[in-house]
Amino acid sequence: MDTKSLIIGVLLVAVGVLSYLLYDANQTKVKIDLPGVKIEGR
């Protein structure tokens, strides 16, 4: 494996991780906190 292929692989992994973090941060979160009832959803 040459250096060019290694750099491309690292960049693809980095893009994948950043895409997942962005997707996870944009998920709607539902939180209902009432006396005696606590519901958390995504």
C-alpha atoms as a PDB file:
ATOM      1  CA  MET A   1       0.000   0.000   0.000  1.00  0.00           C
ATOM      2  CA  ASP A   2       1.457   3.318  -1.004  1.00  0.00           C
ATOM      3  CA  THR A   3       1.228   6.616   0.845  1.00  0.00           C
ATOM      4  CA  LYS A   4      -1.453   8.044  -1.449  1.00  0.00           C
ATOM      5  CA  SER A   5      -3.843   5.180  -0.768  1.00  0.00           C
ATOM      6  CA  LEU A   6      -3.227   5.452   2.972  1.00  0.00           C
ATOM      7  CA  ILE A   7      -4.013   9.185   2.978  1.00  0.00           C
ATOM      8  CA  ILE A   8      -7.210   8.635   0.956  1.00  0.00           C
ATOM      9  CA  GLY A   9      -8.297   5.899   3.386  1.00  0.00           C
ATOM     10  CA  VAL A  10      -7.684   8.109   6.424  1.00  0.00           C
ATOM     11  CA  LEU A  11      -9.642  10.971   4.842  1.00  0.00           C
ATOM     12  CA  LEU A  12     -12.577   8.681   4.050  1.00  0.00           C
ATOM     13  CA  VAL A  13     -12.675   7.420   7.631  1.00  0.00           C
ATOM     14  CA  ALA A  14     -12.534  10.997   8.957  1.00  0.00           C
ATOM     15  CA  VAL A  15     -15.404  12.074   6.684  1.00  0.00           C
ATOM     16  CA  GLY A  16     -17.450   9.080   7.828  1.00  0.00           C
ATOM     17  CA  VAL A  17     -16.914   9.838  11.517  1.00  0.00           C
ATOM     18  CA  LEU A  18     -17.719  13.538  11.106  1.00  0.00           C
ATOM     19  CA  SER A  19     -20.848  12.715   9.097  1.00  0.00           C
ATOM     20  CA  TYR A  20     -22.053  10.384  11.840  1.00  0.00           C
ATOM     21  CA  LEU A  21     -21.423  12.987  14.546  1.00  0.00           C
ATOM     22  CA  LEU A  22     -23.313  15.620  12.559  1.00  0.00           C
ATOM     23  CA  TYR A  23     -26.216  13.205  11.963  1.00  0.00           C
ATOM     24  CA  ASP A  24     -26.338  12.270  15.656  1.00  0.00           C
ATOM     25  CA  ALA A  25     -26.320  15.921  16.758  1.00  0.00           C
ATOM     26  CA  ASN A  26     -29.255  16.747  14.449  1.00  0.00           C
ATOM     27  CA  GLN A  27     -31.513  13.965  15.715  1.00  0.00           C
ATOM     28  CA  THR A  28     -34.646  15.225  17.410  1.00  0.00           C
ATOM     29  CA  LYS A  29     -34.729  14.425  21.094  1.00  0.00           C
ATOM     30  CA  VAL A  30     -37.928  14.141  23.095  1.00  0.00           C
ATOM     31  CA  LYS A  31     -37.869  14.590  26.850  1.00  0.00           C
ATOM     32  CA  ILE A  32     -40.965  14.551  29.022  1.00  0.00           C
ATOM     33  CA  ASP A  33     -40.283  15.140  32.702  1.00  0.00           C
ATOM     34  CA  LEU A  34     -43.394  15.224  34.877  1.00  0.00           C
ATOM     35  CA  PRO A  35     -43.720  14.398  38.561  1.00  0.00           C
ATOM     36  CA  GLY A  36     -43.578  10.585  38.717  1.00  0.00           C
ATOM     37  CA  VAL A  37     -43.126  10.216  34.949  1.00  0.00           C
ATOM     38  CA  LYS A  38     -39.887  10.579  33.048  1.00  0.00           C
ATOM     39  CA  ILE A  39     -39.740   9.723  29.337  1.00  0.00           C
ATOM     40  CA  GLU A  40     -36.715  10.257  27.138  1.00  0.00           C
ATOM     41  CA  GLY A  41     -36.715   9.385  23.445  1.00  0.00           C
ATOM     42  CA  ARG A  42     -34.744  10.174  20.373  1.00  0.00           C
END
